[in-house]
Protein backbone atom coordinates (compact mmCIF):
# COMPACT_ATOMS: atom_id res chain seq x y z
CA MET A 1 -5.25 -12.00 49.82
CA ILE A 2 -7.44 -9.48 48.46
CA ALA A 3 -9.50 -10.06 51.75
CA LYS A 4 -6.27 -9.45 53.71
CA GLN A 5 -5.49 -6.25 52.01
CA ALA A 6 -9.02 -4.97 52.62
CA ILE A 7 -8.83 -5.83 56.43
CA MET A 8 -5.58 -3.91 56.46
CA ALA A 9 -6.96 -0.93 54.73
CA VAL A 10 -9.90 -0.91 57.07
CA LEU A 11 -7.63 -1.03 60.15
CA SER A 12 -5.58 1.45 58.94
CA VAL A 13 -8.20 4.07 58.21
CA ILE A 14 -9.57 3.49 61.67
CA TYR A 15 -6.31 3.72 63.32
CA VAL A 16 -5.31 6.84 61.32
CA GLY A 17 -8.75 8.60 62.22
CA TYR A 18 -8.25 7.94 65.95
CA LEU A 19 -4.59 8.90 65.95
CA ALA A 20 -5.03 12.08 64.17
CA ARG A 21 -8.18 13.17 66.35
CA ARG A 22 -6.24 12.35 69.66
CA LEU A 23 -3.11 14.21 68.30
CA GLY A 24 -4.66 17.14 66.92
CA VAL A 25 -3.99 18.56 63.34
CA ALA A 26 -0.70 20.23 64.37
CA ALA A 27 0.91 17.29 65.97
CA TRP A 28 -0.44 14.93 63.36
CA GLY A 29 1.03 17.11 60.83
CA GLU A 30 4.44 17.19 62.47
CA LEU A 31 4.36 13.45 62.53
CA GLN A 32 3.67 13.11 58.95
CA ALA A 33 6.29 15.73 57.97
CA SER A 34 8.95 13.81 59.96
CA LEU A 35 7.99 10.71 57.97
CA ALA A 36 8.01 12.58 54.76
CA ILE A 37 11.56 14.15 55.46
CA THR A 38 13.21 10.71 56.19
CA SER A 39 11.37 8.99 53.33
CA MET A 40 12.96 11.64 51.12
CA ALA A 41 16.39 10.90 52.59
CA ALA A 42 15.91 7.17 52.05
CA VAL A 43 15.05 7.28 48.27
CA ILE A 44 18.64 7.21 47.34
CA ALA A 45 19.29 4.18 49.65
CA GLY A 46 20.70 1.44 47.33
CA LEU A 47 20.54 3.55 44.21
CA GLY A 48 17.93 1.10 42.73
CA VAL A 49 19.58 -2.18 43.83
CA ARG A 50 16.31 -3.41 45.05
CA GLY A 51 14.49 -3.01 41.65
CA TYR A 52 17.36 -3.85 39.44
CA LEU A 53 18.02 -7.26 41.44
CA ALA A 54 14.24 -7.87 41.67
CA ARG A 55 14.15 -8.02 37.95
CA GLU A 56 17.22 -10.20 37.83
CA ILE A 57 15.72 -12.69 40.36
CA ALA A 58 12.42 -12.68 38.40
CA VAL A 59 14.26 -13.80 35.14
CA THR A 60 16.79 -16.20 36.95
CA PRO A 61 15.38 -17.27 40.18
CA GLU A 62 18.43 -19.58 41.30
CA LEU A 63 20.43 -16.13 41.90
CA GLY A 64 17.92 -15.26 44.63
CA PRO A 65 20.02 -16.03 47.74
CA SER A 66 23.15 -14.25 46.47
CA HIS A 67 21.55 -11.21 44.89
CA LEU A 68 19.52 -10.78 48.10
CA GLY A 69 22.55 -10.69 50.09
CA SER A 70 24.14 -8.12 47.98
CA ALA A 71 21.19 -5.85 47.97
CA LEU A 72 20.97 -6.00 51.64
CA VAL A 73 24.51 -4.78 52.28
CA VAL A 74 24.26 -2.18 49.69
CA ARG A 75 20.91 -0.63 50.69
CA GLY A 76 21.58 -1.10 54.40
CA ALA A 77 25.01 0.66 54.08
CA MET A 78 23.45 3.58 51.93
CA GLY A 79 20.41 3.82 54.17
CA ALA A 80 22.15 4.03 57.32
CA THR A 81 24.46 6.65 56.01
CA THR A 82 21.63 8.82 54.35
CA LEU A 83 19.26 8.62 57.41
CA LEU A 84 22.02 9.37 59.85
CA CYS A 85 23.10 12.51 57.76
CA ALA A 86 19.35 13.67 57.86
CA ALA A 87 19.00 13.15 61.31
CA LEU A 88 22.16 14.98 62.27
CA PHE A 89 21.20 17.95 60.00
CA THR A 90 17.77 18.16 61.49
CA VAL A 91 19.15 17.93 65.11
CA ALA A 92 21.63 20.84 64.28
CA THR A 93 19.05 23.14 62.55
CA ARG A 94 15.90 22.37 64.76
CA SER A 95 15.07 21.70 68.29
CA GLY A 96 12.27 20.31 70.45
CA GLU A 97 9.59 17.53 69.56
CA GLY A 98 10.02 18.07 65.77
CA ALA A 99 13.81 17.11 65.81
CA THR A 100 12.99 14.20 68.13
CA LEU A 101 10.26 12.90 65.75
CA VAL A 102 12.70 12.96 62.79
CA VAL A 103 15.32 10.93 64.64
CA ILE A 104 12.80 8.35 65.57
CA ALA A 105 11.29 8.46 62.15
CA ALA A 106 14.99 7.74 60.77
CA ALA A 107 15.52 4.70 62.87
CA SER A 108 11.94 3.25 61.76
CA GLN A 109 12.82 4.00 58.15
CA LEU A 110 16.02 2.22 58.31
CA ALA A 111 14.14 -0.97 59.39
CA THR A 112 11.74 -0.16 56.52
CA ILE A 113 14.73 -0.19 53.95
CA LEU A 114 15.78 -3.59 55.37
CA TYR A 115 12.55 -5.46 55.07
CA THR A 116 11.37 -4.01 51.97
CA THR A 117 14.67 -5.21 50.49
CA MET A 118 13.80 -8.71 51.68
CA TRP A 119 10.41 -8.47 50.03
CA LEU A 120 12.16 -8.39 46.65
CA SER A 121 12.64 -12.25 46.89
CA PHE A 122 8.93 -12.77 47.89
CA GLU A 123 7.95 -10.65 44.72
CA ALA A 124 10.38 -12.23 42.38
CA HIS A 125 9.15 -15.55 43.40
CA GLU A 126 5.48 -14.48 43.50
CA ARG A 127 5.10 -15.35 47.27
CA PHE A 128 2.85 -12.08 47.95
CA GLN A 129 1.21 -13.96 50.95
CA TYR A 130 4.26 -13.69 53.13
CA ILE A 131 4.24 -9.85 52.80
CA LEU A 132 0.74 -9.76 53.67
CA TYR A 133 1.07 -11.98 56.71
CA VAL A 134 4.06 -9.67 58.09
CA GLU A 135 2.11 -6.43 57.15
CA LEU A 136 -0.97 -7.40 59.01
CA GLY A 137 0.80 -8.74 62.05
CA ALA A 138 3.03 -5.73 62.57
CA ARG A 139 0.21 -3.33 61.59
CA LEU A 140 -2.10 -5.01 64.39
CA PHE A 141 0.94 -4.59 67.00
CA VAL A 142 1.54 -0.71 65.96
CA ILE A 143 -2.31 -0.01 66.09
CA ALA A 144 -2.67 -1.69 69.60
CA LEU A 145 0.40 -0.13 71.13
CA SER A 146 0.11 3.18 69.89
CA VAL A 147 -3.57 3.59 70.79
CA ALA A 148 -2.86 2.49 74.19
CA LEU A 149 0.13 4.99 74.67
CA VAL A 150 -1.78 7.78 73.21
CA ALA A 151 -4.93 6.95 75.26
CA SER A 152 -2.76 7.16 78.32
CA GLY A 153 -1.51 10.67 77.33
CA LEU A 154 1.84 10.20 76.20
CA GLY A 155 1.54 11.99 72.89
CA VAL A 156 3.00 12.06 69.54
CA LEU A 157 6.56 10.71 70.46
CA ALA A 158 5.09 7.65 71.90
CA ALA A 159 3.06 7.12 68.67
CA ALA A 160 6.24 7.60 66.69
CA GLY A 161 8.07 5.11 68.89
CA ALA A 162 5.44 2.64 68.46
CA LEU A 163 5.76 2.82 64.65
CA ALA A 164 9.31 2.41 64.92
CA LEU A 165 8.97 -0.59 67.01
CA GLY A 166 6.45 -2.10 64.84
CA ASN A 167 8.84 -1.77 61.65
CA ALA A 168 11.69 -3.39 63.76
CA ILE A 169 9.05 -6.50 64.17
CA GLU A 170 8.15 -6.30 60.65
CA LEU A 171 11.80 -6.80 59.87
CA ALA A 172 12.34 -9.61 62.12
CA LEU A 173 8.92 -11.49 60.73
CA THR A 174 10.06 -10.88 57.42
CA TYR A 175 13.46 -12.43 57.79
CA HIS A 176 11.79 -15.44 59.59
CA PHE A 177 9.44 -15.97 56.55
CA LEU A 178 12.28 -15.45 54.02
CA ARG A 179 14.62 -17.89 55.80
CA THR A 180 12.00 -20.84 56.36
CA ARG A 181 9.87 -20.43 53.14
CA LEU A 182 12.50 -19.48 50.56
CA TYR A 183 16.12 -19.25 51.28
CA GLN A 184 19.01 -17.74 53.61
CA PRO A 185 20.30 -14.33 51.90
CA ARG A 186 24.21 -14.85 51.20
CA LEU A 187 26.75 -12.42 50.48
CA GLU A 188 29.03 -14.16 47.77
CA VAL A 189 30.65 -11.22 46.18
CA GLY A 190 33.37 -8.73 47.09
CA LEU A 191 33.40 -4.97 47.22
CA ARG A 192 34.34 -4.64 43.55
CA GLU A 193 31.24 -6.70 42.47
CA LEU A 194 29.28 -4.82 44.79
CA VAL A 195 30.24 -1.48 43.39
CA ALA A 196 29.41 -2.84 39.72
CA ILE A 197 25.85 -3.88 40.91
CA ALA A 198 25.54 -0.37 42.41
CA LYS A 199 26.54 1.27 39.18
CA LYS A 200 24.08 -1.15 37.17
CA SER A 201 21.32 0.00 39.28
CA ILE A 202 21.86 3.71 39.09
CA PRO A 203 19.24 4.13 36.10
CA LEU A 204 16.65 2.25 38.11
CA GLY A 205 17.56 3.79 41.38
CA LEU A 206 17.05 7.35 39.97
CA ILE A 207 13.61 6.22 39.03
CA GLY A 208 12.85 5.06 42.48
CA ALA A 209 14.41 8.17 43.90
CA LEU A 210 12.32 10.62 41.60
CA LEU A 211 9.07 8.59 42.52
CA GLY A 212 9.68 8.85 46.14
CA VAL A 213 10.64 12.33 45.99
CA ILE A 214 7.47 13.18 43.91
CA ARG A 215 5.33 11.53 46.57
CA GLN A 216 6.76 13.20 49.41
CA ALA A 217 7.46 16.86 47.99
CA ASP A 218 4.01 18.20 48.56
CA ARG A 219 4.11 17.48 52.47
CA VAL A 220 7.72 18.88 52.71
CA ILE A 221 6.93 22.13 50.93
CA LEU A 222 3.66 22.38 52.59
CA ARG A 223 5.38 22.28 55.96
CA TRP A 224 7.98 24.85 54.76
CA LEU A 225 5.36 27.31 53.42
CA ASP A 226 2.20 26.80 55.30
CA GLY A 227 2.85 25.02 58.53
CA GLU A 228 2.11 21.72 60.26
CA ALA A 229 -1.60 22.18 60.36
CA ALA A 230 -1.64 22.31 56.54
CA VAL A 231 0.32 19.36 56.36
CA GLY A 232 -2.21 17.63 58.81
CA VAL A 233 -5.06 18.46 56.66
CA PHE A 234 -3.19 17.24 53.43
CA SER A 235 -1.98 14.08 55.20
CA ALA A 236 -5.44 13.33 56.58
CA ALA A 237 -6.61 12.87 52.92
CA TRP A 238 -3.35 11.41 51.68
CA VAL A 239 -3.45 8.53 53.93
CA LEU A 240 -7.05 7.51 52.92
CA VAL A 241 -5.78 7.53 49.35
CA GLU A 242 -2.73 5.30 50.04
CA GLN A 243 -5.06 2.81 51.37
CA LEU A 244 -6.69 2.60 48.13
CA GLU A 245 -3.45 2.39 46.48
CA LEU A 246 -2.72 -0.82 48.48
CA ILE A 247 -5.07 -2.49 45.84
CA SER A 248 -2.50 -1.58 43.16
CA ASP A 249 0.35 -3.07 45.16
CA LEU A 250 -1.60 -6.30 45.22
CA VAL A 251 -3.21 -6.66 41.98
CA LEU A 252 -0.92 -4.82 39.79
CA GLY A 253 2.31 -5.46 41.79
CA ALA A 254 1.69 -9.31 41.25
CA ALA A 255 2.20 -8.63 37.46
CA PHE A 256 5.63 -7.43 37.93
CA ALA A 257 7.68 -10.66 38.18
CA ALA A 258 5.55 -12.11 35.62
CA GLY A 259 6.00 -9.36 33.32
CA MET A 260 9.78 -9.33 33.74
CA ARG A 261 9.61 -13.08 32.45
CA LEU A 262 7.28 -12.81 29.82
CA TYR A 263 9.01 -9.86 28.39
CA ALA A 264 12.30 -11.88 28.26
CA HIS A 265 10.81 -15.21 26.83
CA ASP A 266 7.31 -14.72 25.64
CA GLN A 267 6.46 -11.46 23.86
CA PRO A 268 2.83 -12.39 22.95
CA GLY A 269 2.37 -13.49 26.57
CA PHE A 270 3.65 -10.09 27.91
CA VAL A 271 1.18 -8.32 25.44
CA LYS A 272 -1.67 -10.34 27.04
CA LEU A 273 -0.64 -9.74 30.48
CA PHE A 274 -0.22 -5.89 29.53
CA ARG A 275 -3.80 -5.73 28.05
CA THR A 276 -5.16 -7.35 31.21
CA ALA A 277 -3.45 -5.25 33.55
CA LEU A 278 -4.60 -1.97 31.73
CA VAL A 279 -8.20 -3.21 31.98
CA VAL A 280 -7.86 -3.98 35.50
CA ALA A 281 -6.19 -0.75 36.44
CA THR A 282 -9.26 1.17 34.63
CA ALA A 283 -11.90 -1.11 36.16
CA LEU A 284 -10.48 -0.45 39.87
CA GLY A 285 -9.10 3.08 39.61
CA LEU A 286 -12.02 4.93 37.90
CA PRO A 287 -14.70 3.78 40.28
CA LEU A 288 -12.55 4.33 43.34
CA ALA A 289 -12.11 7.98 42.41
CA ALA A 290 -15.62 8.68 41.44
CA GLY A 291 -16.82 6.94 44.53
CA VAL A 292 -14.51 8.78 46.75
CA THR A 293 -15.43 12.20 45.19
CA ILE A 294 -19.05 11.63 46.00
CA VAL A 295 -18.70 10.25 49.66
CA ALA A 296 -15.40 12.42 50.54
CA PRO A 297 -17.20 14.75 53.18
CA ASP A 298 -18.98 11.89 54.86
CA VAL A 299 -15.83 9.88 54.93
CA VAL A 300 -13.67 12.51 56.50
CA ALA A 301 -16.36 13.33 59.12
CA LEU A 302 -16.74 9.77 59.99
CA VAL A 303 -12.99 9.16 60.28
CA TYR A 304 -11.78 12.51 61.60
CA GLU A 305 -14.63 14.07 63.16
CA GLY A 306 -13.33 17.30 64.34
CA ARG A 307 -13.65 20.71 62.53
CA ASP A 308 -9.73 20.94 62.22
CA PHE A 309 -9.94 18.13 59.42
CA ALA A 310 -12.82 19.58 57.73
CA GLY A 311 -10.88 20.85 54.65
CA ALA A 312 -9.45 17.60 54.01
CA SER A 313 -12.83 16.69 52.25
CA HIS A 314 -11.87 19.07 49.45
CA VAL A 315 -8.28 17.66 49.40
CA LEU A 316 -9.62 14.11 49.30
CA ARG A 317 -11.89 14.77 46.20
CA VAL A 318 -8.88 16.05 44.27
CA LEU A 319 -6.48 13.41 45.42
CA ALA A 320 -9.04 10.74 44.54
CA TRP A 321 -8.15 11.11 41.04
CA HIS A 322 -4.45 10.51 41.83
CA VAL A 323 -5.44 6.68 42.29
CA PRO A 324 -6.53 5.97 38.72
CA ALA A 325 -3.54 7.86 37.43
CA THR A 326 -1.11 5.93 39.50
CA PHE A 327 -2.73 2.45 38.66
CA ALA A 328 -2.31 3.42 34.90
CA PHE A 329 1.16 4.58 35.12
CA GLN A 330 2.40 1.29 36.84
CA VAL A 331 0.88 -0.57 33.94
CA ALA A 332 2.42 1.73 31.27
CA ALA A 333 5.79 1.87 33.05
CA LEU A 334 6.04 -1.97 32.69
CA PRO A 335 7.40 -2.33 29.33
CA LEU A 336 9.75 0.43 30.09
CA VAL A 337 11.09 -1.24 33.01
CA ALA A 338 11.28 -4.73 31.35
CA SER A 339 13.15 -3.50 28.39
CA LYS A 340 15.56 -1.72 30.66
CA ARG A 341 14.56 1.76 29.22
CA GLU A 342 14.99 3.53 32.70
CA ARG A 343 16.96 6.47 31.16
CA GLN A 344 13.70 7.38 29.29
CA LEU A 345 11.31 7.01 32.29
CA GLY A 346 13.89 9.31 34.12
CA ALA A 347 13.58 11.73 31.45
CA VAL A 348 9.60 11.95 32.12
CA LEU A 349 9.90 11.87 36.15
CA ALA A 350 12.72 14.60 36.44
CA PRO A 351 10.53 17.23 34.49
CA THR A 352 7.63 15.81 36.52
CA LEU A 353 9.20 16.73 39.91
CA ALA A 354 10.14 20.04 38.65
CA ALA A 355 6.62 20.92 37.54
CA ASN A 356 5.09 19.49 41.03
CA VAL A 357 7.69 21.65 42.99
CA ALA A 358 6.79 24.88 40.90
CA LEU A 359 3.03 24.21 41.13
CA ASP A 360 3.48 23.74 44.81
CA MET A 361 5.35 27.13 45.17
CA TRP A 362 2.57 28.84 43.01
CA LEU A 363 -0.50 27.19 44.55
CA VAL A 364 0.40 26.41 48.36
CA PRO A 365 0.94 30.05 49.60
CA GLN A 366 -2.76 30.94 48.19
CA HIS A 367 -4.52 27.53 48.31
CA GLY A 368 -2.65 25.71 51.17
CA ALA A 369 -3.36 21.93 51.30
CA LEU A 370 -5.90 22.12 48.46
CA GLY A 371 -3.14 23.71 46.23
CA ALA A 372 -0.71 20.81 46.92
CA ALA A 373 -3.40 18.39 46.19
CA PHE A 374 -3.94 20.03 42.73
CA ALA A 375 -0.23 20.14 41.98
CA ALA A 376 0.07 16.43 43.08
CA LEU A 377 -2.81 15.52 40.45
CA VAL A 378 -1.41 17.56 37.48
CA ALA A 379 2.02 15.92 37.97
CA SER A 380 0.64 12.39 38.31
CA VAL A 381 -1.51 12.79 35.14
CA GLY A 382 1.35 14.50 33.14
CA MET A 383 3.45 11.72 34.25
CA LEU A 384 1.03 9.03 32.92
CA VAL A 385 0.65 10.76 29.69
CA ALA A 386 4.25 11.16 29.15
CA THR A 387 4.98 7.39 30.02
CA GLY A 388 2.15 6.18 27.75
CA ILE A 389 3.64 7.99 24.88
CA LEU A 390 7.14 6.21 25.59
CA ALA A 391 5.17 2.84 25.77
CA LEU A 392 3.06 3.50 22.60
CA ARG A 393 3.83 0.23 21.11
CA TYR A 394 2.13 -1.34 23.68
CA MET A 395 -0.52 1.22 24.43
CA ARG A 396 -1.71 0.62 20.90
CA GLU A 397 -2.66 -2.78 22.10
CA ALA A 398 -5.11 -1.51 24.55
CA PRO A 399 -8.54 -3.07 24.30
CA ILE A 400 -10.61 -0.07 23.57
CA GLY A 401 -13.99 -1.76 23.80
CA ARG A 402 -13.35 -3.11 27.38
CA LEU A 403 -11.87 0.18 28.59
CA GLY A 404 -14.91 1.95 27.20
CA GLY A 405 -17.08 -0.53 29.05
CA ALA A 406 -15.22 0.28 32.24
CA THR A 407 -15.76 3.90 31.82
CA LEU A 408 -19.56 3.18 31.21
CA ALA A 409 -19.87 1.09 34.31
CA THR A 410 -18.16 3.79 36.25
CA VAL A 411 -20.56 6.36 35.09
CA LEU A 412 -23.63 4.39 35.80
CA MET A 413 -22.28 3.39 39.33
CA THR A 414 -21.72 6.67 40.21
CA LEU A 415 -25.29 7.88 39.43
CA VAL A 416 -26.53 4.79 41.58
CA ALA A 417 -24.29 5.56 44.47
CA PHE A 418 -25.05 9.41 44.37
CA PHE A 419 -28.86 8.49 44.39
CA ALA A 420 -28.34 6.09 47.27
CA LEU A 421 -26.13 8.72 49.22
CA LYS A 422 -28.73 11.36 48.94
CA THR A 423 -31.79 9.21 49.85
CA VAL A 424 -30.23 6.85 52.39
CA GLY A 425 -26.75 7.53 53.49
CA LEU A 426 -22.95 6.81 53.34
CA TRP A 427 -22.99 2.90 53.84
CA ALA A 428 -26.02 2.47 51.32
CA ALA A 429 -24.11 4.53 48.93
CA VAL A 430 -20.87 2.40 49.06
CA ILE A 431 -22.89 -0.95 48.96
CA ALA A 432 -25.01 -0.13 46.14
CA GLY A 433 -21.97 1.35 44.24
CA ALA A 434 -19.87 -1.63 44.72
CA ILE A 435 -22.72 -4.14 43.86
CA THR A 436 -23.69 -1.97 40.81
CA HIS A 437 -20.12 -1.65 39.59
CA ALA A 438 -19.20 -5.26 39.91
CA ALA A 439 -22.38 -6.62 38.03
CA LEU A 440 -21.79 -4.01 35.28
CA LEU A 441 -18.21 -5.27 34.72
CA LEU A 442 -19.35 -8.74 34.26
CA ALA A 443 -22.41 -7.95 32.16
CA LEU A 444 -20.42 -5.56 30.02
CA ARG A 445 -17.52 -8.26 29.72
CA VAL A 446 -14.88 -5.67 31.10
CA VAL A 447 -12.99 -8.28 32.98
CA THR A 448 -13.84 -11.68 34.14
CA ILE A 449 -13.12 -13.30 37.71
CA ALA A 450 -10.72 -15.62 36.12
CA GLU A 451 -8.55 -12.76 34.95
CA VAL A 452 -8.43 -10.99 38.36
CA ARG A 453 -7.39 -14.18 39.90
CA ALA A 454 -4.81 -14.92 37.03
CA LEU A 455 -3.30 -11.43 37.77
CA ALA A 456 -3.36 -11.60 41.60
CA ARG A 457 -2.53 -15.21 42.09
CA ARG A 458 -0.26 -16.39 39.44
CA LYS A 459 1.49 -19.53 40.37
CA PRO A 460 5.42 -19.62 40.00
CA GLU A 461 6.85 -21.99 37.68
CA LYS A 462 7.74 -25.10 39.68
CA SER A 463 10.88 -26.00 37.98
CA ARG A 464 12.49 -22.54 38.26
CA GLU A 465 11.23 -22.16 41.88
CA ALA A 466 13.08 -25.32 42.77
CA ALA A 467 16.09 -24.34 41.31
CA ALA A 468 16.11 -21.29 43.46
CA THR A 469 15.77 -23.20 46.77
């Protein structure tokens, strides 16, 4: 699965680079702004029903079909309503290509809401391979179609349409695998029960909403204060960082269902999982950030080529450190979600959003995309520190020696990669850094291959899985 994720990341980088170059920085920024606007509108869809029911299914798998049916109804209805409002508001207040892009993005986002809702069953039953299958198939389709359309001169609207069609195909593929490999979703409750589920989901929903807005706020404020070109530069770096964060979706996301079960039934096992996840987050996040900081100008030149995107290298160097902060935050939040302490997590995220917006308002007018990058980084680090304090009981269990070994391995890897970059070039630096870091992690006993496999390829409990089907 790691190999499939790596393939998707490489394909995405190649595709993003081609699309951004062909469309130009302004059109690319307008496309990214439309996606950010609809993403912010969609964050309230379902009020956290997806996360709440994913946690419940992980603990009691036999409830999967009925819980998924309820989640699809609530999230589908809420998503359609909020996205329709966003599209109508945009059409009423704007005109031209930008308004059309938001309408297309709204349709695309609705498909995304539905298929990611279905993913909760794959996640809860630890069948992550099916998510990768549909992601890879849909991504290949989008890349092929949009490249063909843009190459023929049809422009940004055609690219947005290809993305929307790809999301519709991903929805169909997800439903196929869900029905044939797990179960058919069933709606077994009435309106009163759906409302009760929605109410129980509100605390977790606020967490998801705040996280979603925090991730999108920088681009929306950039579009407002500095224009689509600044959004294009920021997004050029941001989409590269997102490919790195796919690693956490695979490795740390695999710990979610196991963590929910272990917290409920095996506290020592949960502590062991938490310690391992923290080590893996550090061992992956720090070298990615350090490596990207070194090679950022070369990567931006390779992917985007044109002068219009030259400023993205500075933005990328700042946003690279968003990666380890995000990895560590996911681990620190695990015991809070498992113990249903969403209100405390919300008390961290709300001030984080306010601080992020305030920093954007202060830094963007003077520093543009780079200012937004610093705002995002400060917000993510602050969010990590505050969450770590809330989870202090488990953070005290952190294996300091192994974390120190991961830090030392990163420092030595950085020196090797920097020397290779200056003497040979980009690819030599990447290869030398990867080999050096992997060897040092094993030599310093920071992490073992068995631990990574256990985290990324946990096998579902057979008896409980059978009960679900």
